[in-house]
Protein backbone atom coordinates (compact mmCIF):
# COMPACT_ATOMS: atom_id res chain seq x y z
CA UNK A 1 111.40 104.27 107.89
CA UNK A 2 110.21 107.47 106.20
CA UNK A 3 109.24 105.52 103.08
CA UNK A 4 107.37 102.87 105.10
CA UNK A 5 105.42 105.53 106.98
CA UNK A 6 104.70 107.45 103.74
CA UNK A 7 103.42 104.31 102.00
CA UNK A 8 101.20 103.43 104.98
CA UNK A 9 99.79 106.94 105.15
CA UNK A 10 99.18 106.84 101.40
CA UNK A 11 97.40 103.47 101.87
CA UNK A 12 95.29 103.84 105.05
CA UNK A 13 93.81 100.34 104.69
CA UNK A 14 97.34 98.89 104.99
CA UNK A 15 98.04 101.14 108.01
CA UNK A 16 94.88 99.80 109.67
CA UNK A 17 95.95 96.18 109.04
CA UNK A 18 99.35 96.84 110.60
CA UNK A 19 97.80 98.56 113.63
CA UNK A 20 95.19 95.80 114.04
CA UNK A 21 98.01 93.25 114.07
CA UNK A 22 99.82 95.29 116.74
CA UNK A 23 96.60 95.48 118.77
CA UNK A 24 96.26 91.68 118.62
CA UNK A 25 99.91 90.86 119.32
CA UNK A 26 100.96 93.61 121.73
CA UNK A 27 97.63 94.85 123.12
CA UNK A 28 96.71 98.39 124.09
CA UNK A 29 97.96 98.14 127.68
CA UNK A 30 101.55 97.24 126.81
CA UNK A 31 104.51 98.59 124.85
CA UNK A 32 106.23 96.86 121.95
CA UNK A 33 108.96 94.46 123.08
CA UNK A 34 111.56 92.72 120.94
CA UNK A 35 109.82 89.39 121.66
CA UNK A 36 106.74 90.65 119.77
CA UNK A 37 108.63 91.23 116.51
CA UNK A 38 108.62 87.65 115.12
CA UNK A 39 104.81 87.58 115.52
CA UNK A 40 104.29 90.75 113.46
CA UNK A 41 104.02 89.07 110.06
CA UNK A 42 102.06 91.81 108.33
CA UNK A 43 104.40 94.55 109.53
CA UNK A 44 107.33 92.45 108.28
CA UNK A 45 105.61 92.26 104.89
CA UNK A 46 105.12 96.07 104.93
CA UNK A 47 108.86 96.54 105.46
CA UNK A 48 109.77 94.06 102.72
CA UNK A 49 107.38 95.75 100.30
CA UNK A 50 108.77 99.17 101.22
CA UNK A 51 112.31 97.97 100.52
CA UNK A 52 111.13 96.49 97.21
CA UNK A 53 109.61 99.76 95.99
CA UNK A 54 112.16 102.07 97.62
CA UNK A 55 115.54 100.32 98.01
CA UNK A 56 117.91 102.41 100.12
CA UNK A 57 120.63 102.22 97.47
CA UNK A 58 118.89 101.96 94.08
CA UNK A 59 122.19 101.13 92.39
CA UNK A 60 123.87 98.62 94.65
CA UNK A 61 127.52 98.95 95.67
CA UNK A 62 129.64 98.56 92.51
CA UNK A 63 131.27 95.19 91.92
CA UNK A 64 134.27 94.31 89.80
CA UNK A 65 135.00 90.81 88.46
CA UNK A 66 138.47 89.40 89.18
CA UNK A 67 138.46 87.62 85.81
CA UNK A 68 136.46 87.97 82.59
CA UNK A 69 133.00 86.39 82.80
CA UNK A 70 129.78 86.12 80.84
CA UNK A 71 126.57 87.45 82.39
CA UNK A 72 123.29 87.19 80.49
CA UNK A 73 125.16 86.54 77.26
CA UNK A 74 127.37 89.61 77.67
CA UNK A 75 131.11 89.49 78.29
CA UNK A 76 132.18 91.47 81.34
CA UNK A 77 135.94 92.15 81.26
CA UNK A 78 138.17 91.76 84.29
CA UNK A 79 138.18 94.93 86.42
CA UNK A 80 135.02 96.41 84.85
CA UNK A 81 132.78 98.33 87.24
CA UNK A 82 129.39 96.60 87.43
CA UNK A 83 126.35 98.37 88.86
CA UNK A 84 123.17 96.47 89.70
CA UNK A 85 119.96 98.48 89.34
CA UNK A 86 117.93 97.08 92.26
CA UNK A 87 115.28 99.78 91.74
CA UNK A 88 114.54 98.54 88.20
CA UNK A 89 114.74 94.85 89.17
CA UNK A 90 112.18 95.38 91.94
CA UNK A 91 109.78 97.01 89.47
CA UNK A 92 110.17 94.44 86.69
CA UNK A 93 106.71 93.27 85.58
CA UNK A 94 108.12 89.90 84.47
CA UNK A 95 109.04 89.17 88.10
CA UNK A 96 106.36 91.05 90.05
CA UNK A 97 102.61 91.24 89.57
CA UNK A 98 101.45 94.89 89.72
CA UNK A 99 105.06 95.99 90.34
CA UNK A 100 104.27 99.66 91.00
CA UNK A 101 101.53 98.96 93.54
CA UNK A 102 102.23 98.85 97.30
CA UNK A 103 101.04 95.32 98.21
CA UNK A 104 102.61 93.93 101.42
CA UNK A 105 100.36 90.87 101.04
CA UNK A 106 102.68 89.57 98.32
CA UNK A 107 105.14 88.62 101.12
CA UNK A 108 102.67 86.81 103.38
CA UNK A 109 102.06 83.07 103.80
CA UNK A 110 100.49 81.63 100.69
CA UNK A 111 102.48 83.99 98.51
CA UNK A 112 105.87 83.10 97.06
CA UNK A 113 107.76 83.45 100.37
CA UNK A 114 111.15 83.05 98.68
CA UNK A 115 110.56 86.38 96.97
CA UNK A 116 111.03 88.16 100.31
CA UNK A 117 114.36 86.63 101.26
CA UNK A 118 116.71 89.43 102.36
CA UNK A 119 119.72 87.11 102.07
CA UNK A 120 119.97 87.52 98.31
CA UNK A 121 118.96 84.01 97.22
CA UNK A 122 116.22 85.49 95.01
CA UNK A 123 117.83 87.76 92.42
CA UNK A 124 114.49 89.50 91.83
CA UNK A 125 114.61 90.95 95.35
CA UNK A 126 117.97 92.37 96.39
CA UNK A 127 117.45 95.39 98.68
CA UNK A 128 120.69 94.53 100.52
CA UNK A 129 122.59 93.07 97.58
CA UNK A 130 123.56 89.45 97.19
CA UNK A 131 126.46 87.09 97.53
CA UNK A 132 129.64 87.50 99.55
CA UNK A 133 129.58 91.28 99.42
CA UNK A 134 126.00 91.89 100.45
CA UNK A 135 125.28 94.45 103.17
CA UNK A 136 126.62 93.31 106.54
CA UNK A 137 123.98 95.36 108.36
CA UNK A 138 120.95 93.33 107.24
CA UNK A 139 120.13 91.89 110.67
CA UNK A 140 120.52 95.22 112.44
CA UNK A 141 118.52 97.10 109.80
CA UNK A 142 115.73 94.51 109.79
CA UNK A 143 115.39 94.42 113.59
CA UNK A 144 115.69 98.15 114.17
CA UNK A 145 113.30 99.08 111.38
CA UNK A 146 110.74 96.53 112.63
CA UNK A 147 111.07 97.68 116.23
CA UNK A 148 110.87 101.39 115.44
CA UNK A 149 107.93 101.01 113.02
CA UNK A 150 106.07 98.76 115.46
CA UNK A 151 106.57 101.25 118.29
CA UNK A 152 105.44 104.23 116.22
CA UNK A 153 102.40 102.49 114.73
CA UNK A 154 101.37 100.96 118.06
CA UNK A 155 101.64 104.15 120.08
CA UNK A 156 100.25 106.73 117.66
CA UNK A 157 97.71 107.44 114.97
CA UNK A 158 99.38 109.38 112.16
CA UNK A 159 97.75 112.24 110.32
CA UNK A 160 98.69 114.66 107.59
CA UNK A 161 98.78 118.25 108.91
CA UNK A 162 95.97 120.56 107.82
CA UNK A 163 96.64 122.23 104.50
CA UNK A 164 99.30 119.73 103.38
CA UNK A 165 97.06 117.56 101.17
CA UNK A 166 97.99 113.98 100.30
CA UNK A 167 101.26 112.26 101.11
CA UNK A 168 103.51 112.48 98.07
CA UNK A 169 105.65 109.52 96.99
CA UNK A 170 107.93 111.29 94.54
CA UNK A 171 111.49 109.99 94.69
CA UNK A 172 114.81 111.82 94.57
CA UNK A 173 117.60 109.55 93.36
CA UNK A 174 121.12 110.13 94.59
CA UNK A 175 123.49 107.61 96.14
CA UNK A 176 120.51 106.76 98.32
CA UNK A 177 116.82 106.92 97.40
CA UNK A 178 115.05 109.69 99.29
CA UNK A 179 111.66 111.31 99.23
CA UNK A 180 111.67 114.43 97.07
CA UNK A 181 109.74 116.23 99.82
CA UNK A 182 110.27 115.10 103.44
CA UNK A 183 107.32 113.44 105.14
CA UNK A 184 105.50 115.70 107.60
CA UNK A 185 103.05 114.00 109.96
CA UNK A 186 101.20 114.67 113.18
CA UNK A 187 101.24 111.90 115.82
CA UNK A 188 98.12 111.47 117.97
CA UNK A 189 98.39 109.15 121.00
CA UNK A 190 96.50 105.83 120.57
CA UNK A 191 97.03 104.26 124.00
CA UNK A 192 94.83 105.07 126.98
CA UNK A 193 97.48 104.79 129.68
CA UNK A 194 99.69 107.92 129.61
CA UNK A 195 102.37 106.06 131.63
CA UNK A 196 103.14 103.96 128.55
CA UNK A 197 104.54 107.11 126.89
CA UNK A 198 107.15 107.81 129.57
């Protein structure tokens, strides 16, 4: 969620598109409900693009073949520890146009929709892994992230505090991919009815 918010604050035109979509789907006299989520196509694309650029685990959970196999012309012996570099795959220019640019539009209708499949059928996009041992929390993560981002973007305008400068996108790689410097933002209420905040 921190990465999605940082990318949107770094790209205010994308933030405006997401908030315009929320205005059209949810309205300004209502709060975000779970029933709104399937209609938020642009916000879904923002989340997919965020996970492409900033996968939670840049090196997926290690795998180990139960028998020797050949992958990409290389022999992988039985019991070898295999790490998949999702971070590098998601930034591969042979698979992605402008791979370093934050472009949620690449996951919208008219684009190659299969590229945004969380279920691991496209090996160029594997934020949750692939196959039998992919992350079991995909559905929960997808719904919760969508709901929380929709609620935050719908209810507030987000600003960088005075004296902070621009939002930085420098990464710190560990077991998980984090921002090198935590995101600091100031929320300003967007909705007119104060009762919607209680």
